[in-house]
């Protein structure tokens, strides 16, 4: 009898933990033993952490999409210009985050390429 169970790996349960599928041909060791099959990039969410609110609830609604397109039209080139810069802006960054009282005002926004945007947030951590 084959048994399949999903378990967190590594067993530490730290953020970034992945789910793996364990398949066993026999629970009592008769047969092939355990086979570990990765299930993909799923990450475990701590049970006590609430799900992230929708983008509309966080302030990224239809109006934001219009403002974003307008900003990219005004500044189509990356305004960060790190060493990894690709030149063309794809993202719009809020200097002061919405959750910290920032707004969608053009003076609070910067056009940025995806590499510079990722580097900026990675360096802030």
PDB file of N, CA and C in Angstrom:
ATOM      1  N   UNK A   1       0.848  -1.172   0.000  1.00  0.00           N
ATOM      2  CA  UNK A   1       0.000   0.000   0.000  1.00  0.00           C
ATOM      3  C   UNK A   1       0.899   1.243   0.000  1.00  0.00           C
ATOM      4  N   UNK A   2       0.696   2.145  -0.969  1.00  0.00           N
ATOM      5  CA  UNK A   2       1.483   3.374  -1.051  1.00  0.00           C
ATOM      6  C   UNK A   2       0.828   4.452  -0.200  1.00  0.00           C
ATOM      7  N   UNK A   3       1.661   5.221   0.502  1.00  0.00           N
ATOM      8  CA  UNK A   3       1.197   6.306   1.366  1.00  0.00           C
ATOM      9  C   UNK A   3       1.826   7.608   0.876  1.00  0.00           C
ATOM     10  N   UNK A   4       1.031   8.682   0.829  1.00  0.00           N
ATOM     11  CA  UNK A   4       1.548   9.987   0.430  1.00  0.00           C
ATOM     12  C   UNK A   4       1.176  11.006   1.496  1.00  0.00           C
ATOM     13  N   UNK A   5       2.156  11.798   1.937  1.00  0.00           N
ATOM     14  CA  UNK A   5       1.882  12.863   2.903  1.00  0.00           C
ATOM     15  C   UNK A   5       2.671  14.105   2.515  1.00  0.00           C
ATOM     16  N   UNK A   6       2.108  15.281   2.786  1.00  0.00           N
ATOM     17  CA  UNK A   6       2.813  16.550   2.588  1.00  0.00           C
ATOM     18  C   UNK A   6       3.418  16.971   3.920  1.00  0.00           C
ATOM     19  N   UNK A   7       4.696  17.312   3.906  1.00  0.00           N
ATOM     20  CA  UNK A   7       5.353  17.764   5.126  1.00  0.00           C
ATOM     21  C   UNK A   7       6.179  19.004   4.825  1.00  0.00           C
ATOM     22  N   UNK A   8       6.354  19.898   5.808  1.00  0.00           N
ATOM     23  CA  UNK A   8       7.233  21.050   5.591  1.00  0.00           C
ATOM     24  C   UNK A   8       8.687  20.609   5.577  1.00  0.00           C
ATOM     25  N   UNK A   9       9.492  21.218   4.715  1.00  0.00           N
ATOM     26  CA  UNK A   9      10.899  20.883   4.641  1.00  0.00           C
ATOM     27  C   UNK A   9      11.711  22.135   4.468  1.00  0.00           C
ATOM     28  N   UNK A  10      12.735  22.456   5.157  1.00  0.00           N
ATOM     29  CA  UNK A  10      13.206  21.668   6.287  1.00  0.00           C
ATOM     30  C   UNK A  10      12.213  21.720   7.435  1.00  0.00           C
ATOM     31  N   UNK A  11      12.355  20.829   8.339  1.00  0.00           N
ATOM     32  CA  UNK A  11      11.374  20.666   9.408  1.00  0.00           C
ATOM     33  C   UNK A  11      11.395  21.792  10.426  1.00  0.00           C
ATOM     34  N   UNK A  12      12.242  22.790  10.228  1.00  0.00           N
ATOM     35  CA  UNK A  12      12.343  23.896  11.172  1.00  0.00           C
ATOM     36  C   UNK A  12      11.091  24.766  11.182  1.00  0.00           C
ATOM     37  N   UNK A  13      10.344  24.808  10.064  1.00  0.00           N
ATOM     38  CA  UNK A  13       9.138  25.615  10.000  1.00  0.00           C
ATOM     39  C   UNK A  13       9.404  27.103   9.846  1.00  0.00           C
ATOM     40  N   UNK A  14      10.635  27.482   9.493  1.00  0.00           N
ATOM     41  CA  UNK A  14      10.986  28.885   9.307  1.00  0.00           C
ATOM     42  C   UNK A  14      10.345  29.416   8.033  1.00  0.00           C
ATOM     43  N   UNK A  15      10.204  30.769   7.902  1.00  0.00           N
ATOM     44  CA  UNK A  15       9.704  31.329   6.654  1.00  0.00           C
ATOM     45  C   UNK A  15      10.567  30.863   5.491  1.00  0.00           C
ATOM     46  N   UNK A  16       9.937  30.615   4.364  1.00  0.00           N
ATOM     47  CA  UNK A  16      10.658  30.090   3.218  1.00  0.00           C
ATOM     48  C   UNK A  16      10.621  28.579   3.166  1.00  0.00           C
ATOM     49  N   UNK A  17       9.988  27.951   4.143  1.00  0.00           N
ATOM     50  CA  UNK A  17       9.860  26.507   4.166  1.00  0.00           C
ATOM     51  C   UNK A  17       9.016  26.060   2.987  1.00  0.00           C
ATOM     52  N   UNK A  18       9.396  24.976   2.368  1.00  0.00           N
ATOM     53  CA  UNK A  18       8.646  24.453   1.236  1.00  0.00           C
ATOM     54  C   UNK A  18       7.909  23.199   1.638  1.00  0.00           C
ATOM     55  N   UNK A  19       6.844  22.902   0.918  1.00  0.00           N
ATOM     56  CA  UNK A  19       6.139  21.648   1.112  1.00  0.00           C
ATOM     57  C   UNK A  19       6.768  20.598   0.211  1.00  0.00           C
ATOM     58  N   UNK A  20       6.994  19.405   0.742  1.00  0.00           N
ATOM     59  CA  UNK A  20       7.436  18.302  -0.105  1.00  0.00           C
ATOM     60  C   UNK A  20       6.472  17.144   0.093  1.00  0.00           C
ATOM     61  N   UNK A  21       6.390  16.323  -0.919  1.00  0.00           N
ATOM     62  CA  UNK A  21       5.513  15.167  -0.882  1.00  0.00           C
ATOM     63  C   UNK A  21       6.355  13.939  -0.581  1.00  0.00           C
ATOM     64  N   UNK A  22       6.004  13.226   0.477  1.00  0.00           N
ATOM     65  CA  UNK A  22       6.691  11.975   0.799  1.00  0.00           C
ATOM     66  C   UNK A  22       5.811  10.830   0.332  1.00  0.00           C
ATOM     67  N   UNK A  23       6.397   9.948  -0.450  1.00  0.00           N
ATOM     68  CA  UNK A  23       5.683   8.755  -0.884  1.00  0.00           C
ATOM     69  C   UNK A  23       6.391   7.540  -0.294  1.00  0.00           C
ATOM     70  N   UNK A  24       5.651   6.683   0.291  1.00  0.00           N
ATOM     71  CA  UNK A  24       6.232   5.456   0.840  1.00  0.00           C
ATOM     72  C   UNK A  24       5.496   4.265   0.262  1.00  0.00           C
ATOM     73  N   UNK A  25       6.239   3.298  -0.232  1.00  0.00           N
ATOM     74  CA  UNK A  25       5.625   2.080  -0.755  1.00  0.00           C
ATOM     75  C   UNK A  25       5.049   1.255   0.391  1.00  0.00           C
ATOM     76  N   UNK A  26       5.697   1.343   1.520  1.00  0.00           N
ATOM     77  CA  UNK A  26       5.214   0.596   2.668  1.00  0.00           C
ATOM     78  C   UNK A  26       5.549   1.383   3.931  1.00  0.00           C
ATOM     79  N   UNK A  27       4.588   1.469   4.814  1.00  0.00           N
ATOM     80  CA  UNK A  27       4.807   2.184   6.062  1.00  0.00           C
ATOM     81  C   UNK A  27       5.781   1.412   6.956  1.00  0.00           C
ATOM     82  N   UNK A  28       5.841   0.110   6.814  1.00  0.00           N
ATOM     83  CA  UNK A  28       6.643  -0.731   7.691  1.00  0.00           C
ATOM     84  C   UNK A  28       8.004  -1.090   7.103  1.00  0.00           C
ATOM     85  N   UNK A  29       8.430  -0.392   6.049  1.00  0.00           N
ATOM     86  CA  UNK A  29       9.769  -0.624   5.509  1.00  0.00           C
ATOM     87  C   UNK A  29       9.860  -1.778   4.535  1.00  0.00           C
ATOM     88  N   UNK A  30       8.742  -2.363   4.142  1.00  0.00           N
ATOM     89  CA  UNK A  30       8.787  -3.435   3.154  1.00  0.00           C
ATOM     90  C   UNK A  30       8.651  -2.794   1.777  1.00  0.00           C
ATOM     91  N   UNK A  31       9.658  -2.786   0.995  1.00  0.00           N
ATOM     92  CA  UNK A  31       9.546  -2.184  -0.328  1.00  0.00           C
ATOM     93  C   UNK A  31      10.640  -1.172  -0.564  1.00  0.00           C
ATOM     94  N   UNK A  32      10.324  -0.138  -1.324  1.00  0.00           N
ATOM     95  CA  UNK A  32      11.331   0.829  -1.764  1.00  0.00           C
ATOM     96  C   UNK A  32      11.733   1.842  -0.704  1.00  0.00           C
ATOM     97  N   UNK A  33      10.990   1.999   0.338  1.00  0.00           N
ATOM     98  CA  UNK A  33      11.305   3.018   1.326  1.00  0.00           C
ATOM     99  C   UNK A  33      10.669   4.350   0.945  1.00  0.00           C
ATOM    100  N   UNK A  34      11.233   5.459   1.453  1.00  0.00           N
ATOM    101  CA  UNK A  34      10.671   6.777   1.200  1.00  0.00           C
ATOM    102  C   UNK A  34      11.248   7.386  -0.066  1.00  0.00           C
ATOM    103  N   UNK A  35      10.381   8.069  -0.801  1.00  0.00           N
ATOM    104  CA  UNK A  35      10.791   8.800  -1.986  1.00  0.00           C
ATOM    105  C   UNK A  35      10.356  10.250  -1.781  1.00  0.00           C
ATOM    106  N   UNK A  36      11.275  11.203  -1.883  1.00  0.00           N
ATOM    107  CA  UNK A  36      10.946  12.614  -1.699  1.00  0.00           C
ATOM    108  C   UNK A  36      10.697  13.226  -3.074  1.00  0.00           C
ATOM    109  N   UNK A  37       9.505  13.805  -3.245  1.00  0.00           N
ATOM    110  CA  UNK A  37       9.112  14.403  -4.517  1.00  0.00           C
ATOM    111  C   UNK A  37       8.812  15.872  -4.281  1.00  0.00           C
ATOM    112  N   UNK A  38       9.640  16.808  -4.805  1.00  0.00           N
ATOM    113  CA  UNK A  38       9.338  18.232  -4.627  1.00  0.00           C
ATOM    114  C   UNK A  38       8.007  18.583  -5.288  1.00  0.00           C
ATOM    115  N   UNK A  39       7.222  19.407  -4.616  1.00  0.00           N
ATOM    116  CA  UNK A  39       5.914  19.773  -5.157  1.00  0.00           C
ATOM    117  C   UNK A  39       5.930  21.138  -5.814  1.00  0.00           C
ATOM    118  N   UNK A  40       7.061  21.815  -5.855  1.00  0.00           N
ATOM    119  CA  UNK A  40       7.117  23.125  -6.488  1.00  0.00           C
ATOM    120  C   UNK A  40       7.394  24.212  -5.477  1.00  0.00           C
ATOM    121  N   UNK A  41       7.270  25.464  -5.909  1.00  0.00           N
ATOM    122  CA  UNK A  41       7.673  26.585  -5.063  1.00  0.00           C
ATOM    123  C   UNK A  41       6.634  27.025  -4.040  1.00  0.00           C
ATOM    124  N   UNK A  42       5.746  26.144  -3.616  1.00  0.00           N
ATOM    125  CA  UNK A  42       4.778  26.526  -2.593  1.00  0.00           C
ATOM    126  C   UNK A  42       5.500  26.817  -1.290  1.00  0.00           C
ATOM    127  N   UNK A  43       5.067  27.834  -0.612  1.00  0.00           N
ATOM    128  CA  UNK A  43       5.640  28.157   0.697  1.00  0.00           C
ATOM    129  C   UNK A  43       4.563  28.032   1.745  1.00  0.00           C
ATOM    130  N   UNK A  44       4.964  27.621   2.909  1.00  0.00           N
ATOM    131  CA  UNK A  44       4.019  27.525   4.011  1.00  0.00           C
ATOM    132  C   UNK A  44       3.741  28.905   4.577  1.00  0.00           C
ATOM    133  N   UNK A  45       2.506  29.173   4.880  1.00  0.00           N
ATOM    134  CA  UNK A  45       2.130  30.429   5.513  1.00  0.00           C
ATOM    135  C   UNK A  45       1.862  30.115   6.977  1.00  0.00           C
ATOM    136  N   UNK A  46       2.510  30.831   7.898  1.00  0.00           N
ATOM    137  CA  UNK A  46       2.230  30.581   9.313  1.00  0.00           C
ATOM    138  C   UNK A  46       0.739  30.723   9.589  1.00  0.00           C
ATOM    139  N   UNK A  47       0.218  29.823  10.372  1.00  0.00           N
ATOM    140  CA  UNK A  47      -1.226  29.779  10.626  1.00  0.00           C
ATOM    141  C   UNK A  47      -1.756  31.057  11.263  1.00  0.00           C
ATOM    142  N   UNK A  48      -0.933  31.725  12.059  1.00  0.00           N
ATOM    143  CA  UNK A  48      -1.417  32.921  12.755  1.00  0.00           C
ATOM    144  C   UNK A  48      -1.269  34.193  11.924  1.00  0.00           C
ATOM    145  N   UNK A  49      -0.644  34.104  10.740  1.00  0.00           N
ATOM    146  CA  UNK A  49      -0.461  35.284   9.899  1.00  0.00           C
ATOM    147  C   UNK A  49      -1.681  35.462   8.995  1.00  0.00           C
ATOM    148  N   UNK A  50      -2.334  36.624   9.040  1.00  0.00           N
ATOM    149  CA  UNK A  50      -3.509  36.819   8.186  1.00  0.00           C
ATOM    150  C   UNK A  50      -3.094  36.911   6.723  1.00  0.00           C
ATOM    151  N   UNK A  51      -4.010  36.562   5.832  1.00  0.00           N
ATOM    152  CA  UNK A  51      -3.746  36.683   4.410  1.00  0.00           C
ATOM    153  C   UNK A  51      -3.627  38.150   4.044  1.00  0.00           C
ATOM    154  N   UNK A  52      -2.834  38.437   3.030  1.00  0.00           N
ATOM    155  CA  UNK A  52      -2.630  39.808   2.565  1.00  0.00           C
ATOM    156  C   UNK A  52      -3.930  40.323   1.947  1.00  0.00           C
ATOM    157  N   UNK A  53      -4.333  41.550   2.296  1.00  0.00           N
ATOM    158  CA  UNK A  53      -5.554  42.107   1.706  1.00  0.00           C
ATOM    159  C   UNK A  53      -5.400  42.260   0.197  1.00  0.00           C
ATOM    160  N   UNK A  54      -6.515  42.344  -0.504  1.00  0.00           N
ATOM    161  CA  UNK A  54      -6.472  42.487  -1.956  1.00  0.00           C
ATOM    162  C   UNK A  54      -5.821  43.811  -2.336  1.00  0.00           C
ATOM    163  N   UNK A  55      -5.383  43.916  -3.583  1.00  0.00           N
ATOM    164  CA  UNK A  55      -4.717  45.143  -4.014  1.00  0.00           C
ATOM    165  C   UNK A  55      -5.671  46.335  -3.983  1.00  0.00           C
ATOM    166  N   UNK A  56      -6.955  46.089  -4.208  1.00  0.00           N
ATOM    167  CA  UNK A  56      -7.930  47.184  -4.134  1.00  0.00           C
ATOM    168  C   UNK A  56      -8.043  47.714  -2.708  1.00  0.00           C
ATOM    169  N   UNK A  57      -8.051  46.824  -1.739  1.00  0.00           N
ATOM    170  CA  UNK A  57      -8.134  47.228  -0.332  1.00  0.00           C
ATOM    171  C   UNK A  57      -6.879  47.996   0.073  1.00  0.00           C
ATOM    172  N   UNK A  58      -5.722  47.619  -0.497  1.00  0.00           N
ATOM    173  CA  UNK A  58      -4.462  48.283  -0.171  1.00  0.00           C
ATOM    174  C   UNK A  58      -4.267  49.605  -0.924  1.00  0.00           C
ATOM    175  N   UNK A  59      -5.204  49.977  -1.795  1.00  0.00           N
ATOM    176  CA  UNK A  59      -5.126  51.270  -2.478  1.00  0.00           C
ATOM    177  C   UNK A  59      -4.680  51.204  -3.923  1.00  0.00           C
ATOM    178  N   UNK A  60      -4.580  50.011  -4.495  1.00  0.00           N
ATOM    179  CA  UNK A  60      -4.147  49.853  -5.881  1.00  0.00           C
ATOM    180  C   UNK A  60      -5.346  49.451  -6.743  1.00  0.00           C
ATOM    181  N   UNK A  61      -6.210  50.411  -6.991  1.00  0.00           N
ATOM    182  CA  UNK A  61      -7.445  50.174  -7.731  1.00  0.00           C
ATOM    183  C   UNK A  61      -7.319  50.702  -9.159  1.00  0.00           C
ATOM    184  N   UNK A  62      -8.456  50.894  -9.821  1.00  0.00           N
ATOM    185  CA  UNK A  62      -8.477  51.378 -11.189  1.00  0.00           C
ATOM    186  C   UNK A  62      -7.837  52.758 -11.297  1.00  0.00           C
ATOM    187  N   UNK A  63      -8.074  53.628 -10.328  1.00  0.00           N
ATOM    188  CA  UNK A  63      -7.459  54.967 -10.329  1.00  0.00           C
ATOM    189  C   UNK A  63      -5.944  54.849 -10.303  1.00  0.00           C
ATOM    190  N   UNK A  64      -5.426  53.916  -9.491  1.00  0.00           N
ATOM    191  CA  UNK A  64      -3.984  53.715  -9.419  1.00  0.00           C
ATOM    192  C   UNK A  64      -3.433  53.296 -10.771  1.00  0.00           C
ATOM    193  N   UNK A  65      -4.120  52.404 -11.465  1.00  0.00           N
ATOM    194  CA  UNK A  65      -3.651  51.959 -12.781  1.00  0.00           C
ATOM    195  C   UNK A  65      -3.551  53.132 -13.755  1.00  0.00           C
ATOM    196  N   UNK A  66      -4.508  54.047 -13.693  1.00  0.00           N
ATOM    197  CA  UNK A  66      -4.463  55.230 -14.553  1.00  0.00           C
ATOM    198  C   UNK A  66      -3.281  56.130 -14.191  1.00  0.00           C
ATOM    199  N   UNK A  67      -3.067  56.349 -12.895  1.00  0.00           N
ATOM    200  CA  UNK A  67      -1.958  57.185 -12.432  1.00  0.00           C
ATOM    201  C   UNK A  67      -0.619  56.546 -12.814  1.00  0.00           C
ATOM    202  N   UNK A  68      -0.525  55.233 -12.632  1.00  0.00           N
ATOM    203  CA  UNK A  68       0.696  54.488 -12.951  1.00  0.00           C
ATOM    204  C   UNK A  68       1.047  54.640 -14.435  1.00  0.00           C
ATOM    205  N   UNK A  69       0.067  54.450 -15.310  1.00  0.00           N
ATOM    206  CA  UNK A  69       0.314  54.591 -16.746  1.00  0.00           C
ATOM    207  C   UNK A  69       0.721  56.018 -17.093  1.00  0.00           C
ATOM    208  N   UNK A  70       0.104  56.983 -16.438  1.00  0.00           N
ATOM    209  CA  UNK A  70       0.445  58.387 -16.665  1.00  0.00           C
ATOM    210  C   UNK A  70       1.893  58.660 -16.260  1.00  0.00           C
ATOM    211  N   UNK A  71       2.303  58.159 -15.092  1.00  0.00           N
ATOM    212  CA  UNK A  71       3.678  58.354 -14.605  1.00  0.00           C
ATOM    213  C   UNK A  71       4.686  57.705 -15.550  1.00  0.00           C
ATOM    214  N   UNK A  72       4.402  56.494 -16.025  1.00  0.00           N
ATOM    215  CA  UNK A  72       5.307  55.820 -16.946  1.00  0.00           C
ATOM    216  C   UNK A  72       5.375  56.549 -18.286  1.00  0.00           C
ATOM    217  N   UNK A  73       4.279  57.218 -18.656  1.00  0.00           N
ATOM    218  CA  UNK A  73       4.295  58.025 -19.871  1.00  0.00           C
ATOM    219  C   UNK A  73       5.146  59.277 -19.708  1.00  0.00           C
ATOM    220  N   UNK A  74       5.088  59.880 -18.525  1.00  0.00           N
ATOM    221  CA  UNK A  74       5.900  61.078 -18.244  1.00  0.00           C
ATOM    222  C   UNK A  74       7.385  60.743 -18.111  1.00  0.00           C
ATOM    223  N   UNK A  75       7.686  59.636 -17.432  1.00  0.00           N
ATOM    224  CA  UNK A  75       9.067  59.212 -17.186  1.00  0.00           C
ATOM    225  C   UNK A  75       9.227  57.752 -17.613  1.00  0.00           C
ATOM    226  N   UNK A  76       9.466  57.493 -18.904  1.00  0.00           N
ATOM    227  CA  UNK A  76       9.576  56.103 -19.356  1.00  0.00           C
ATOM    228  C   UNK A  76      10.911  55.446 -19.004  1.00  0.00           C
ATOM    229  N   UNK A  77      11.858  56.214 -18.486  1.00  0.00           N
ATOM    230  CA  UNK A  77      13.157  55.659 -18.120  1.00  0.00           C
ATOM    231  C   UNK A  77      13.277  55.509 -16.601  1.00  0.00           C
ATOM    232  N   UNK A  78      14.073  54.538 -16.186  1.00  0.00           N
ATOM    233  CA  UNK A  78      14.276  54.265 -14.756  1.00  0.00           C
ATOM    234  C   UNK A  78      14.905  55.475 -14.070  1.00  0.00           C
ATOM    235  N   UNK A  79      14.327  55.865 -12.946  1.00  0.00           N
ATOM    236  CA  UNK A  79      14.830  57.005 -12.190  1.00  0.00           C
ATOM    237  C   UNK A  79      15.811  56.600 -11.086  1.00  0.00           C
ATOM    238  N   UNK A  80      15.995  55.291 -10.846  1.00  0.00           N
ATOM    239  CA  UNK A  80      16.948  54.842  -9.834  1.00  0.00           C
ATOM    240  C   UNK A  80      18.355  54.740 -10.412  1.00  0.00           C
ATOM    241  N   UNK A  81      18.512  54.028 -11.528  1.00  0.00           N
ATOM    242  CA  UNK A  81      19.803  53.932 -12.204  1.00  0.00           C
ATOM    243  C   UNK A  81      20.892  53.213 -11.441  1.00  0.00           C
ATOM    244  N   UNK A  82      20.564  52.114 -10.743  1.00  0.00           N
ATOM    245  CA  UNK A  82      21.598  51.300 -10.105  1.00  0.00           C
ATOM    246  C   UNK A  82      22.448  50.629 -11.189  1.00  0.00           C
ATOM    247  N   UNK A  83      23.509  49.947 -10.780  1.00  0.00           N
ATOM    248  CA  UNK A  83      24.393  49.272 -11.747  1.00  0.00           C
ATOM    249  C   UNK A  83      23.660  48.231 -12.585  1.00  0.00           C
ATOM    250  N   UNK A  84      22.617  47.636 -12.040  1.00  0.00           N
ATOM    251  CA  UNK A  84      21.888  46.574 -12.721  1.00  0.00           C
ATOM    252  C   UNK A  84      20.803  47.113 -13.660  1.00  0.00           C
ATOM    253  N   UNK A  85      20.689  48.416 -13.790  1.00  0.00           N
ATOM    254  CA  UNK A  85      19.579  49.068 -14.481  1.00  0.00           C
ATOM    255  C   UNK A  85      19.448  48.616 -15.932  1.00  0.00           C
ATOM    256  N   UNK A  86      18.212  48.362 -16.353  1.00  0.00           N
ATOM    257  CA  UNK A  86      17.931  48.001 -17.743  1.00  0.00           C
ATOM    258  C   UNK A  86      17.470  49.210 -18.545  1.00  0.00           C
ATOM    259  N   UNK A  87      17.246  50.335 -17.895  1.00  0.00           N
ATOM    260  CA  UNK A  87      16.888  51.559 -18.604  1.00  0.00           C
ATOM    261  C   UNK A  87      15.405  51.872 -18.644  1.00  0.00           C
ATOM    262  N   UNK A  88      14.604  50.999 -19.214  1.00  0.00           N
ATOM    263  CA  UNK A  88      13.176  51.270 -19.381  1.00  0.00           C
ATOM    264  C   UNK A  88      12.402  50.953 -18.106  1.00  0.00           C
ATOM    265  N   UNK A  89      11.567  51.885 -17.704  1.00  0.00           N
ATOM    266  CA  UNK A  89      10.774  51.712 -16.479  1.00  0.00           C
ATOM    267  C   UNK A  89       9.582  50.804 -16.747  1.00  0.00           C
ATOM    268  N   UNK A  90       9.322  49.912 -15.801  1.00  0.00           N
ATOM    269  CA  UNK A  90       8.186  48.995 -15.859  1.00  0.00           C
ATOM    270  C   UNK A  90       7.330  49.112 -14.599  1.00  0.00           C
ATOM    271  N   UNK A  91       7.924  49.623 -13.537  1.00  0.00           N
ATOM    272  CA  UNK A  91       7.258  49.731 -12.245  1.00  0.00           C
ATOM    273  C   UNK A  91       7.187  51.188 -11.825  1.00  0.00           C
ATOM    274  N   UNK A  92       6.263  51.476 -10.917  1.00  0.00           N
ATOM    275  CA  UNK A  92       6.195  52.800 -10.306  1.00  0.00           C
ATOM    276  C   UNK A  92       6.314  52.594  -8.803  1.00  0.00           C
ATOM    277  N   UNK A  93       7.310  53.246  -8.209  1.00  0.00           N
ATOM    278  CA  UNK A  93       7.634  53.076  -6.792  1.00  0.00           C
ATOM    279  C   UNK A  93       7.114  54.262  -5.986  1.00  0.00           C
ATOM    280  N   UNK A  94       6.520  53.985  -4.832  1.00  0.00           N
ATOM    281  CA  UNK A  94       6.094  55.033  -3.906  1.00  0.00           C
ATOM    282  C   UNK A  94       7.264  55.355  -2.972  1.00  0.00           C
ATOM    283  N   UNK A  95       7.701  56.607  -2.944  1.00  0.00           N
ATOM    284  CA  UNK A  95       8.764  57.007  -2.021  1.00  0.00           C
ATOM    285  C   UNK A  95       8.303  56.810  -0.573  1.00  0.00           C
ATOM    286  N   UNK A  96       7.098  57.286  -0.259  1.00  0.00           N
ATOM    287  CA  UNK A  96       6.488  57.034   1.048  1.00  0.00           C
ATOM    288  C   UNK A  96       5.364  56.036   0.801  1.00  0.00           C
ATOM    289  N   UNK A  97       5.457  54.866   1.418  1.00  0.00           N
ATOM    290  CA  UNK A  97       4.483  53.807   1.199  1.00  0.00           C
ATOM    291  C   UNK A  97       3.078  54.264   1.584  1.00  0.00           C
ATOM    292  N   UNK A  98       2.101  53.708   0.888  1.00  0.00           N
ATOM    293  CA  UNK A  98       0.706  54.054   1.189  1.00  0.00           C
ATOM    294  C   UNK A  98       0.373  53.750   2.644  1.00  0.00           C
ATOM    295  N   UNK A  99       0.845  52.618   3.139  1.00  0.00           N
ATOM    296  CA  UNK A  99       0.519  52.234   4.519  1.00  0.00           C
ATOM    297  C   UNK A  99       1.185  53.152   5.543  1.00  0.00           C
ATOM    298  N   UNK A 100       2.179  53.949   5.096  1.00  0.00           N
ATOM    299  CA  UNK A 100       2.840  54.910   5.981  1.00  0.00           C
ATOM    300  C   UNK A 100       2.359  56.332   5.738  1.00  0.00           C
ATOM    301  N   UNK A 101       1.235  56.483   5.057  1.00  0.00           N
ATOM    302  CA  UNK A 101       0.662  57.796   4.825  1.00  0.00           C
ATOM    303  C   UNK A 101       1.004  58.413   3.479  1.00  0.00           C
ATOM    304  N   UNK A 102       1.664  57.674   2.607  1.00  0.00           N
ATOM    305  CA  UNK A 102       1.988  58.171   1.277  1.00  0.00           C
ATOM    306  C   UNK A 102       0.750  58.242   0.393  1.00  0.00           C
ATOM    307  N   UNK A 103       0.895  58.932  -0.721  1.00  0.00           N
ATOM    308  CA  UNK A 103      -0.226  59.096  -1.649  1.00  0.00           C
ATOM    309  C   UNK A 103       0.213  58.691  -3.056  1.00  0.00           C
ATOM    310  N   UNK A 104      -0.751  58.730  -3.986  1.00  0.00           N
ATOM    311  CA  UNK A 104      -0.461  58.473  -5.391  1.00  0.00           C
ATOM    312  C   UNK A 104      -0.065  59.758  -6.117  1.00  0.00           C
ATOM    313  N   UNK A 105       0.253  60.808  -5.382  1.00  0.00           N
ATOM    314  CA  UNK A 105       0.661  62.071  -5.991  1.00  0.00           C
ATOM    315  C   UNK A 105       1.959  61.862  -6.770  1.00  0.00           C
ATOM    316  N   UNK A 106       2.080  62.503  -7.937  1.00  0.00           N
ATOM    317  CA  UNK A 106       3.257  62.312  -8.793  1.00  0.00           C
ATOM    318  C   UNK A 106       4.569  62.647  -8.086  1.00  0.00           C
ATOM    319  N   UNK A 107       4.532  63.560  -7.129  1.00  0.00           N
ATOM    320  CA  UNK A 107       5.758  63.909  -6.398  1.00  0.00           C
ATOM    321  C   UNK A 107       6.223  62.780  -5.475  1.00  0.00           C
ATOM    322  N   UNK A 108       5.353  61.806  -5.199  1.00  0.00           N
ATOM    323  CA  UNK A 108       5.696  60.672  -4.333  1.00  0.00           C
ATOM    324  C   UNK A 108       6.053  59.430  -5.152  1.00  0.00           C
ATOM    325  N   UNK A 109       6.054  59.535  -6.472  1.00  0.00           N
ATOM    326  CA  UNK A 109       6.249  58.371  -7.331  1.00  0.00           C
ATOM    327  C   UNK A 109       7.550  58.466  -8.115  1.00  0.00           C
ATOM    328  N   UNK A 110       8.176  57.294  -8.344  1.00  0.00           N
ATOM    329  CA  UNK A 110       9.367  57.195  -9.188  1.00  0.00           C
ATOM    330  C   UNK A 110       9.171  56.055 -10.174  1.00  0.00           C
ATOM    331  N   UNK A 111       9.480  56.297 -11.441  1.00  0.00           N
ATOM    332  CA  UNK A 111       9.478  55.234 -12.441  1.00  0.00           C
ATOM    333  C   UNK A 111      10.756  54.425 -12.259  1.00  0.00           C
ATOM    334  N   UNK A 112      10.643  53.103 -12.368  1.00  0.00           N
ATOM    335  CA  UNK A 112      11.815  52.256 -12.158  1.00  0.00           C
ATOM    336  C   UNK A 112      11.725  50.972 -12.973  1.00  0.00           C
ATOM    337  N   UNK A 113      12.881  50.456 -13.385  1.00  0.00           N
ATOM    338  CA  UNK A 113      12.903  49.150 -14.046  1.00  0.00           C
ATOM    339  C   UNK A 113      12.742  48.078 -12.959  1.00  0.00           C
ATOM    340  N   UNK A 114      12.393  46.877 -13.368  1.00  0.00           N
ATOM    341  CA  UNK A 114      12.123  45.834 -12.369  1.00  0.00           C
ATOM    342  C   UNK A 114      13.374  45.462 -11.572  1.00  0.00           C
ATOM    343  N   UNK A 115      14.554  45.461 -12.215  1.00  0.00           N
ATOM    344  CA  UNK A 115      15.782  45.089 -11.501  1.00  0.00           C
ATOM    345  C   UNK A 115      16.131  46.109 -10.419  1.00  0.00           C
ATOM    346  N   UNK A 116      16.034  47.401 -10.763  1.00  0.00           N
ATOM    347  CA  UNK A 116      16.339  48.436  -9.764  1.00  0.00           C
ATOM    348  C   UNK A 116      15.307  48.430  -8.635  1.00  0.00           C
ATOM    349  N   UNK A 117      14.033  48.189  -8.977  1.00  0.00           N
ATOM    350  CA  UNK A 117      12.980  48.166  -7.960  1.00  0.00           C
ATOM    351  C   UNK A 117      13.227  47.014  -6.984  1.00  0.00           C
ATOM    352  N   UNK A 118      13.575  45.867  -7.522  1.00  0.00           N
ATOM    353  CA  UNK A 118      13.865  44.703  -6.675  1.00  0.00           C
ATOM    354  C   UNK A 118      15.099  44.996  -5.807  1.00  0.00           C
ATOM    355  N   UNK A 119      16.149  45.551  -6.394  1.00  0.00           N
ATOM    356  CA  UNK A 119      17.382  45.856  -5.637  1.00  0.00           C
ATOM    357  C   UNK A 119      17.101  46.860  -4.536  1.00  0.00           C
ATOM    358  N   UNK A 120      16.302  47.883  -4.818  1.00  0.00           N
ATOM    359  CA  UNK A 120      15.974  48.894  -3.821  1.00  0.00           C
ATOM    360  C   UNK A 120      15.309  48.255  -2.599  1.00  0.00           C
ATOM    361  N   UNK A 121      14.311  47.397  -2.841  1.00  0.00           N
ATOM    362  CA  UNK A 121      13.608  46.770  -1.709  1.00  0.00           C
ATOM    363  C   UNK A 121      14.463  45.713  -1.028  1.00  0.00           C
ATOM    364  N   UNK A 122      15.314  45.029  -1.772  1.00  0.00           N
ATOM    365  CA  UNK A 122      16.202  44.032  -1.157  1.00  0.00           C
ATOM    366  C   UNK A 122      17.226  44.709  -0.259  1.00  0.00           C
ATOM    367  N   UNK A 123      17.721  45.892  -0.674  1.00  0.00           N
ATOM    368  CA  UNK A 123      18.706  46.620   0.135  1.00  0.00           C
ATOM    369  C   UNK A 123      18.095  47.211   1.384  1.00  0.00           C
ATOM    370  N   UNK A 124      16.777  47.479   1.375  1.00  0.00           N
ATOM    371  CA  UNK A 124      16.099  48.079   2.532  1.00  0.00           C
ATOM    372  C   UNK A 124      15.917  47.068   3.660  1.00  0.00           C
ATOM    373  N   UNK A 125      15.965  45.763   3.343  1.00  0.00           N
ATOM    374  CA  UNK A 125      15.716  44.730   4.371  1.00  0.00           C
ATOM    375  C   UNK A 125      16.897  44.527   5.247  1.00  0.00           C
TER     376      UNK A 125
END
